[in-house]
Amino acid sequence: MTTYTTDRDGQEHLEYHGSTAIERIRKQYGKVRREWLHFNSVREAADFYNDHCASCEVA
């Protein structure tokens, strides 16, 4: 599962593949910043991903 969201200053990309970690990639003003979000369980990671991405989906 992956998703993109954009805002006026840059772009954020989340990658989640069913583990306890989500990779967040932020691109802003030509700079790329990567960080890993670690969770205690797969359920917790999936809930975060689904909650965060539900408001970001585009048709």
Protein backbone atom coordinates (compact mmCIF):
# COMPACT_ATOMS: atom_id res chain seq x y z
CA MET A 1 0.00 0.00 0.00
CA THR A 2 1.28 3.43 -0.84
CA THR A 3 -0.23 6.86 -1.07
CA TYR A 4 0.71 10.38 -2.07
CA THR A 5 -0.50 13.60 -0.59
CA THR A 6 0.40 17.04 -1.76
CA ASP A 7 0.27 20.44 -0.22
CA ARG A 8 1.25 23.87 -1.43
CA ASP A 9 4.84 23.58 -0.20
CA GLY A 10 5.77 20.01 -1.10
CA GLN A 11 4.83 16.38 -1.22
CA GLU A 12 4.59 13.58 1.33
CA HIS A 13 4.67 9.92 0.38
CA LEU A 14 3.90 7.06 2.77
CA GLU A 15 4.89 3.47 2.07
CA TYR A 16 3.42 0.62 4.07
CA HIS A 17 3.78 -3.04 3.17
CA GLY A 18 2.17 -4.82 6.12
CA SER A 19 4.94 -4.68 8.73
CA THR A 20 5.37 -2.66 11.92
CA ALA A 21 7.14 0.19 10.09
CA ILE A 22 5.97 2.90 7.71
CA GLU A 23 8.40 4.89 5.59
CA ARG A 24 7.57 8.58 5.24
CA ILE A 25 9.25 10.47 2.40
CA ARG A 26 8.90 14.24 2.34
CA LYS A 27 9.91 16.31 -0.67
CA GLN A 28 10.00 20.03 -0.11
CA TYR A 29 11.86 22.80 -1.91
CA GLY A 30 14.03 20.26 -3.76
CA LYS A 31 15.09 18.43 -0.60
CA VAL A 32 14.15 14.84 0.20
CA ARG A 33 13.82 13.67 3.80
CA ARG A 34 13.17 10.02 4.66
CA GLU A 35 12.15 8.73 8.05
CA TRP A 36 10.81 5.47 9.45
CA LEU A 37 7.85 5.38 11.80
CA HIS A 38 7.99 2.26 14.01
CA PHE A 39 4.98 0.78 15.80
CA ASN A 40 4.54 -1.95 18.42
CA SER A 41 2.23 -4.05 16.24
CA VAL A 42 1.09 -4.50 12.67
CA ARG A 43 -2.43 -3.48 13.72
CA GLU A 44 -1.15 -0.20 15.17
CA ALA A 45 0.82 0.56 11.98
CA ALA A 46 -2.14 -0.30 9.74
CA ASP A 47 -4.48 1.86 11.82
CA PHE A 48 -2.10 4.83 11.58
CA TYR A 49 -1.72 4.36 7.83
CA ASN A 50 -5.46 4.04 7.25
CA ASP A 51 -6.34 6.97 9.52
CA HIS A 52 -3.70 9.21 7.95
CA CYS A 53 -4.46 8.26 4.35
CA ALA A 54 -8.26 8.28 4.57
CA SER A 55 -8.27 12.07 4.46
CA CYS A 56 -5.63 12.18 1.69
CA GLU A 57 -7.07 9.91 -0.97
CA VAL A 58 -7.77 11.33 -4.38
CA ALA A 59 -10.05 9.84 -7.01
